[in-house]
Amino acid sequence: MQVNFLKYKKIYFAFSGLLMAGCLAGIFTFGLNPGIDFTGGSIIEISYEDAMPSAQAVRDALSDFGEVQVQPTDENGLIIRMGDMSEETHQEILGMLSEGYQAEELRFESIGPVIGQELKNKTMLLIFLALISIVLYVAFAFRKVQRPVRSWQYGIASLIALFHDVLIPVGVFSVMGYYMEVQFTIPVVTALLTVLGYSINNTVVVFDRIREALIRREGVTFEETVNKALNRSLTRCINTSLTTLLVLSAIYFFGGETLKYFSLALIIGIAAGTYSSLFLASPILAAWLKWRKKIA
């Protein structure tokens, strides 16, 4: 039995539009909470054997050292983020954190503000180049498909879907950064770039089914052809994404604090990418063709 996916394309567009609007509102309202990778500063991770001080007590004790962010971990420990510090200050803080407690330092990292700014600039350039490269690749891969939709339109539809896939996790991290002090770090950016690759893979698979159906002249209209392609791709896309999400969920719950938000960004992005590959990218092509015929 063939499911008529495009029958509900207005619902898909409205749902995606609301999600994207909400994420943009969150980003413009709360901004992002950049980690020391981008701003420069220091991070100390402490593990306590038995009892441990509260996050608020640590903030109060270290208030003389400037802005302090304290994040409890699931392993009876704390992650403290502060400004750049000397080794003498580092040892002084360690002594304060260990006073009256059995504590062990798990890691200490320090990044200068110049390096942080350079990382920020390179990250933005990298994401921009990745998006442009993907659009050019899709347009080139479908260069022989010129009827009824041109190859560059496949590239633009892919770009809209990719923007959707990246915007949603960024919006979620914006809200989490404001309310939960979750930081936007290099591992999160790495996850977003991975989402771009994963999502375009699903989208290209669906577009390839459309190309095959067009060559075989399946379907009287372009919408019928797209529906056939979506029905053929549905099981494959969902099964592939589910197996990936199962592994990422295990990493999120059992992989420790270091991998927690990296895996969360991947979970949100891959879920959004699976949805957009099936219910956004292809319906955009069909809606684009219908609009073009209407104004012709």
Protein backbone atom coordinates (compact mmCIF):
# COMPACT_ATOMS: atom_id res chain seq x y z
CA MET A 1 0.00 0.00 0.00
CA GLN A 2 1.42 3.39 -1.04
CA VAL A 3 1.23 6.25 1.47
CA ASN A 4 0.47 9.69 0.04
CA PHE A 5 3.15 11.68 1.89
CA LEU A 6 2.69 14.89 -0.07
CA LYS A 7 -0.97 15.09 0.86
CA TYR A 8 0.14 16.57 4.19
CA LYS A 9 3.05 18.71 3.00
CA LYS A 10 1.46 21.91 4.36
CA ILE A 11 1.46 20.31 7.82
CA TYR A 12 5.15 19.40 7.44
CA PHE A 13 5.99 22.95 6.40
CA ALA A 14 3.99 24.47 9.25
CA PHE A 15 5.56 22.13 11.84
CA SER A 16 9.08 22.77 10.56
CA GLY A 17 8.41 26.51 10.36
CA LEU A 18 7.27 26.62 13.98
CA LEU A 19 10.30 24.62 15.13
CA MET A 20 12.71 26.86 13.25
CA ALA A 21 10.99 30.03 14.44
CA GLY A 22 11.15 28.81 18.04
CA CYS A 23 14.84 27.95 17.70
CA LEU A 24 15.66 31.32 16.13
CA ALA A 25 13.74 33.07 18.91
CA GLY A 26 15.73 31.13 21.50
CA ILE A 27 19.05 31.95 19.83
CA PHE A 28 18.28 35.68 19.52
CA THR A 29 16.82 35.84 23.04
CA PHE A 30 19.31 33.74 24.99
CA GLY A 31 22.28 33.54 22.64
CA LEU A 32 24.76 30.71 22.96
CA ASN A 33 26.83 29.91 26.01
CA PRO A 34 30.27 29.44 24.41
CA GLY A 35 32.77 27.21 26.16
CA ILE A 36 36.38 28.05 26.85
CA ASP A 37 37.23 26.61 23.42
CA PHE A 38 35.83 29.85 21.97
CA THR A 39 36.21 32.41 24.76
CA GLY A 40 39.45 31.30 26.36
CA GLY A 41 39.73 30.28 30.01
CA SER A 42 40.27 27.24 32.18
CA ILE A 43 38.34 24.13 33.07
CA ILE A 44 38.90 21.93 36.11
CA GLU A 45 37.17 18.59 36.69
CA ILE A 46 37.20 17.28 40.25
CA SER A 47 36.03 13.89 41.53
CA TYR A 48 35.10 13.43 45.22
CA GLU A 49 35.27 10.07 46.98
CA ASP A 50 32.48 10.49 49.51
CA ALA A 51 30.91 13.80 50.42
CA MET A 52 31.23 16.81 48.13
CA PRO A 53 30.43 20.53 48.41
CA SER A 54 27.36 21.95 46.72
CA ALA A 55 27.70 23.82 43.43
CA GLN A 56 26.57 27.04 45.11
CA ALA A 57 29.16 26.64 47.89
CA VAL A 58 31.90 26.28 45.27
CA ARG A 59 30.65 29.37 43.40
CA ASP A 60 30.71 31.38 46.63
CA ALA A 61 34.18 30.13 47.60
CA LEU A 62 35.66 30.99 44.19
CA SER A 63 33.79 34.26 43.65
CA ASP A 64 36.98 36.31 44.21
CA PHE A 65 38.52 34.75 41.09
CA GLY A 66 35.95 36.24 38.72
CA GLU A 67 33.10 34.58 36.84
CA VAL A 68 32.74 30.91 37.78
CA GLN A 69 30.50 28.25 36.27
CA VAL A 70 30.01 25.05 38.24
CA GLN A 71 28.38 21.98 36.75
CA PRO A 72 27.80 18.80 38.82
CA THR A 73 28.52 15.49 37.06
CA ASP A 74 26.85 12.13 37.47
CA GLU A 75 29.99 10.66 39.04
CA ASN A 76 30.12 12.55 42.31
CA GLY A 77 32.17 15.32 40.84
CA LEU A 78 32.21 18.87 39.58
CA ILE A 79 33.29 20.65 36.40
CA ILE A 80 34.41 24.22 37.08
CA ARG A 81 34.88 26.74 34.24
CA MET A 82 36.71 29.98 34.93
CA GLY A 83 38.83 32.62 33.27
CA ASP A 84 42.46 32.11 32.34
CA MET A 85 44.63 31.36 35.38
CA SER A 86 48.26 30.86 36.29
CA GLU A 87 49.61 27.61 37.73
CA GLU A 88 49.87 29.28 41.14
CA THR A 89 46.16 30.19 41.04
CA HIS A 90 45.36 26.70 39.78
CA GLN A 91 47.03 25.10 42.80
CA GLU A 92 45.37 27.57 45.16
CA ILE A 93 41.93 26.69 43.76
CA LEU A 94 42.68 22.97 44.01
CA GLY A 95 43.52 23.44 47.67
CA MET A 96 40.24 25.27 48.29
CA LEU A 97 38.21 22.61 46.48
CA SER A 98 39.91 19.80 48.43
CA GLU A 99 39.69 21.44 51.86
CA GLY A 100 37.75 19.08 54.14
CA TYR A 101 37.08 16.60 51.30
CA GLN A 102 38.80 13.66 49.62
CA ALA A 103 39.15 14.95 46.08
CA GLU A 104 41.09 14.11 42.92
CA GLU A 105 41.67 16.33 39.90
CA LEU A 106 40.64 14.50 36.73
CA ARG A 107 41.60 17.16 34.20
CA PHE A 108 42.79 20.72 33.83
CA GLU A 109 42.67 22.60 30.51
CA SER A 110 43.56 26.18 29.70
CA ILE A 111 43.00 28.03 26.41
CA GLY A 112 44.10 31.60 25.72
CA PRO A 113 41.58 34.17 24.39
CA VAL A 114 43.49 34.60 21.10
CA ILE A 115 43.27 30.86 20.37
CA GLY A 116 39.60 30.88 21.37
CA GLN A 117 38.80 33.70 18.91
CA GLU A 118 40.74 31.92 16.16
CA LEU A 119 38.79 28.72 16.80
CA LYS A 120 35.52 30.66 16.61
CA ASN A 121 36.41 32.21 13.25
CA LYS A 122 37.62 28.92 11.79
CA THR A 123 34.51 27.12 13.01
CA MET A 124 32.19 29.57 11.26
CA LEU A 125 34.24 29.35 8.06
CA LEU A 126 34.25 25.55 8.22
CA ILE A 127 30.47 25.32 8.57
CA PHE A 128 29.96 27.77 5.70
CA LEU A 129 32.33 25.87 3.41
CA ALA A 130 30.70 22.56 4.35
CA LEU A 131 27.24 23.86 3.42
CA ILE A 132 28.41 25.32 0.10
CA SER A 133 30.29 22.12 -0.77
CA ILE A 134 27.23 20.00 -0.07
CA VAL A 135 24.98 22.15 -2.26
CA LEU A 136 27.49 22.02 -5.13
CA TYR A 137 27.85 18.27 -4.73
CA VAL A 138 24.09 17.67 -4.88
CA ALA A 139 23.71 19.96 -7.89
CA PHE A 140 26.55 18.12 -9.66
CA ALA A 141 25.29 14.64 -8.71
CA PHE A 142 21.85 15.40 -10.20
CA ARG A 143 23.11 17.43 -13.18
CA LYS A 144 21.50 15.00 -15.66
CA VAL A 145 18.08 15.42 -14.04
CA GLN A 146 16.68 18.60 -15.60
CA ARG A 147 12.98 17.71 -15.91
CA PRO A 148 10.69 18.72 -14.35
CA VAL A 149 12.96 20.12 -11.59
CA ARG A 150 16.46 21.38 -12.35
CA SER A 151 19.54 19.99 -10.61
CA TRP A 152 20.35 23.24 -8.75
CA GLN A 153 16.89 23.11 -7.17
CA TYR A 154 17.79 19.78 -5.59
CA GLY A 155 20.80 21.56 -4.10
CA ILE A 156 18.71 24.43 -2.71
CA ALA A 157 16.15 22.02 -1.24
CA SER A 158 19.03 20.16 0.44
CA LEU A 159 20.40 23.42 1.83
CA ILE A 160 17.03 24.35 3.37
CA ALA A 161 16.78 20.89 4.95
CA LEU A 162 20.35 21.13 6.29
CA PHE A 163 19.69 24.57 7.76
CA HIS A 164 16.67 23.03 9.53
CA ASP A 165 18.77 20.10 10.81
CA VAL A 166 21.50 22.31 12.29
CA LEU A 167 19.25 25.09 13.58
CA ILE A 168 17.19 22.78 15.79
CA PRO A 169 20.09 21.43 17.93
CA VAL A 170 21.65 24.91 18.09
CA GLY A 171 18.32 26.30 19.35
CA VAL A 172 18.06 23.54 21.95
CA PHE A 173 21.60 24.24 23.16
CA SER A 174 20.78 27.94 23.35
CA VAL A 175 17.91 27.26 25.75
CA MET A 176 19.94 24.71 27.72
CA GLY A 177 22.83 27.15 27.93
CA TYR A 178 20.58 29.79 29.48
CA TYR A 179 18.72 27.57 31.95
CA MET A 180 21.23 24.77 32.62
CA GLU A 181 24.58 26.48 31.86
CA VAL A 182 25.32 23.93 29.12
CA GLN A 183 28.19 25.25 27.02
CA PHE A 184 28.54 25.33 23.25
CA THR A 185 31.92 23.68 22.69
CA ILE A 186 34.11 22.24 19.93
CA PRO A 187 32.69 18.70 20.44
CA VAL A 188 29.19 20.12 19.86
CA VAL A 189 30.37 21.80 16.66
CA THR A 190 31.92 18.49 15.58
CA ALA A 191 28.57 16.82 16.20
CA LEU A 192 26.80 19.43 14.06
CA LEU A 193 29.22 18.85 11.17
CA THR A 194 28.57 15.13 11.52
CA VAL A 195 24.84 15.85 11.37
CA LEU A 196 25.37 17.69 8.07
CA GLY A 197 27.03 14.64 6.55
CA TYR A 198 24.49 12.20 7.96
CA SER A 199 21.49 14.25 6.88
CA ILE A 200 22.72 14.85 3.34
CA ASN A 201 23.30 11.13 3.00
CA ASN A 202 19.64 10.42 3.77
CA THR A 203 18.49 13.26 1.51
CA VAL A 204 20.60 12.08 -1.42
CA VAL A 205 19.20 8.55 -1.03
CA VAL A 206 15.64 9.92 -1.31
CA PHE A 207 16.57 12.16 -4.25
CA ASP A 208 18.21 9.19 -5.96
CA ARG A 209 14.96 7.22 -5.66
CA ILE A 210 13.21 10.20 -7.28
CA ARG A 211 15.73 10.20 -10.12
CA GLU A 212 15.22 6.46 -10.69
CA ALA A 213 11.45 6.89 -10.72
CA LEU A 214 11.73 9.77 -13.22
CA ILE A 215 13.93 7.70 -15.54
CA ARG A 216 11.41 4.83 -15.40
CA ARG A 217 8.58 7.34 -15.92
CA GLU A 218 6.77 6.11 -12.82
CA GLY A 219 3.82 8.28 -11.87
CA VAL A 220 1.69 10.53 -14.03
CA THR A 221 2.69 13.67 -12.12
CA PHE A 222 5.86 14.72 -10.31
CA GLU A 223 4.03 14.45 -6.95
CA GLU A 224 3.17 10.81 -7.69
CA THR A 225 6.80 10.15 -8.56
CA VAL A 226 7.99 11.74 -5.31
CA ASN A 227 5.45 9.70 -3.32
CA LYS A 228 6.74 6.48 -4.84
CA ALA A 229 10.32 7.46 -4.02
CA LEU A 230 9.42 8.33 -0.43
CA ASN A 231 7.61 5.02 0.07
CA ARG A 232 10.68 3.15 -1.18
CA SER A 233 13.05 5.13 1.06
CA LEU A 234 10.99 5.24 4.26
CA THR A 235 11.99 1.90 5.79
CA ARG A 236 15.66 2.29 4.92
CA CYS A 237 15.94 5.82 6.37
CA ILE A 238 14.10 5.00 9.60
CA ASN A 239 15.99 1.75 10.24
CA THR A 240 19.37 3.38 9.62
CA SER A 241 18.57 6.31 11.91
CA LEU A 242 17.12 4.15 14.67
CA THR A 243 20.19 1.94 14.89
CA THR A 244 22.39 5.05 15.07
CA LEU A 245 20.17 6.67 17.70
CA LEU A 246 20.29 3.54 19.87
CA VAL A 247 24.09 3.69 19.99
CA LEU A 248 24.08 7.44 20.65
CA SER A 249 21.53 7.02 23.45
CA ALA A 250 23.84 4.49 25.11
CA ILE A 251 26.73 6.97 24.84
CA TYR A 252 24.55 9.77 26.24
CA PHE A 253 23.46 7.80 29.30
CA PHE A 254 26.62 5.77 29.99
CA GLY A 255 29.46 7.56 28.19
CA GLY A 256 30.33 10.05 30.91
CA GLU A 257 30.19 13.82 31.09
CA THR A 258 32.76 14.42 28.33
CA LEU A 259 30.63 12.74 25.64
CA LYS A 260 27.21 13.64 27.03
CA TYR A 261 26.47 16.80 25.06
CA PHE A 262 28.35 15.63 21.98
CA SER A 263 25.99 12.65 21.76
CA LEU A 264 22.96 14.82 22.61
CA ALA A 265 23.70 17.16 19.70
CA LEU A 266 23.96 14.13 17.41
CA ILE A 267 20.71 12.65 18.71
CA ILE A 268 18.75 15.86 18.12
CA GLY A 269 20.41 16.54 14.77
CA ILE A 270 19.99 13.03 13.36
CA ALA A 271 16.34 12.89 14.46
CA ALA A 272 15.75 16.26 12.77
CA GLY A 273 17.71 15.13 9.70
CA THR A 274 15.69 11.95 9.28
CA TYR A 275 12.49 13.96 9.44
CA SER A 276 13.70 16.61 6.98
CA SER A 277 15.01 14.06 4.47
CA LEU A 278 11.61 12.42 4.24
CA PHE A 279 9.13 15.17 4.99
CA LEU A 280 10.83 18.43 4.07
CA ALA A 281 13.40 18.22 1.24
CA SER A 282 11.28 16.27 -1.28
CA PRO A 283 8.00 18.11 -0.51
CA ILE A 284 9.90 21.38 -1.08
CA LEU A 285 10.74 20.20 -4.62
CA ALA A 286 7.09 19.31 -5.30
CA ALA A 287 5.82 22.61 -3.86
CA TRP A 288 8.44 24.55 -5.84
CA LEU A 289 7.34 22.93 -9.12
CA LYS A 290 3.67 23.54 -8.34
CA TRP A 291 4.35 27.20 -7.54
CA ARG A 292 6.39 27.64 -10.72
CA LYS A 293 3.58 26.23 -12.85
CA LYS A 294 1.06 28.47 -11.12
CA ILE A 295 2.93 31.69 -11.90
CA ALA A 296 3.85 30.59 -15.46
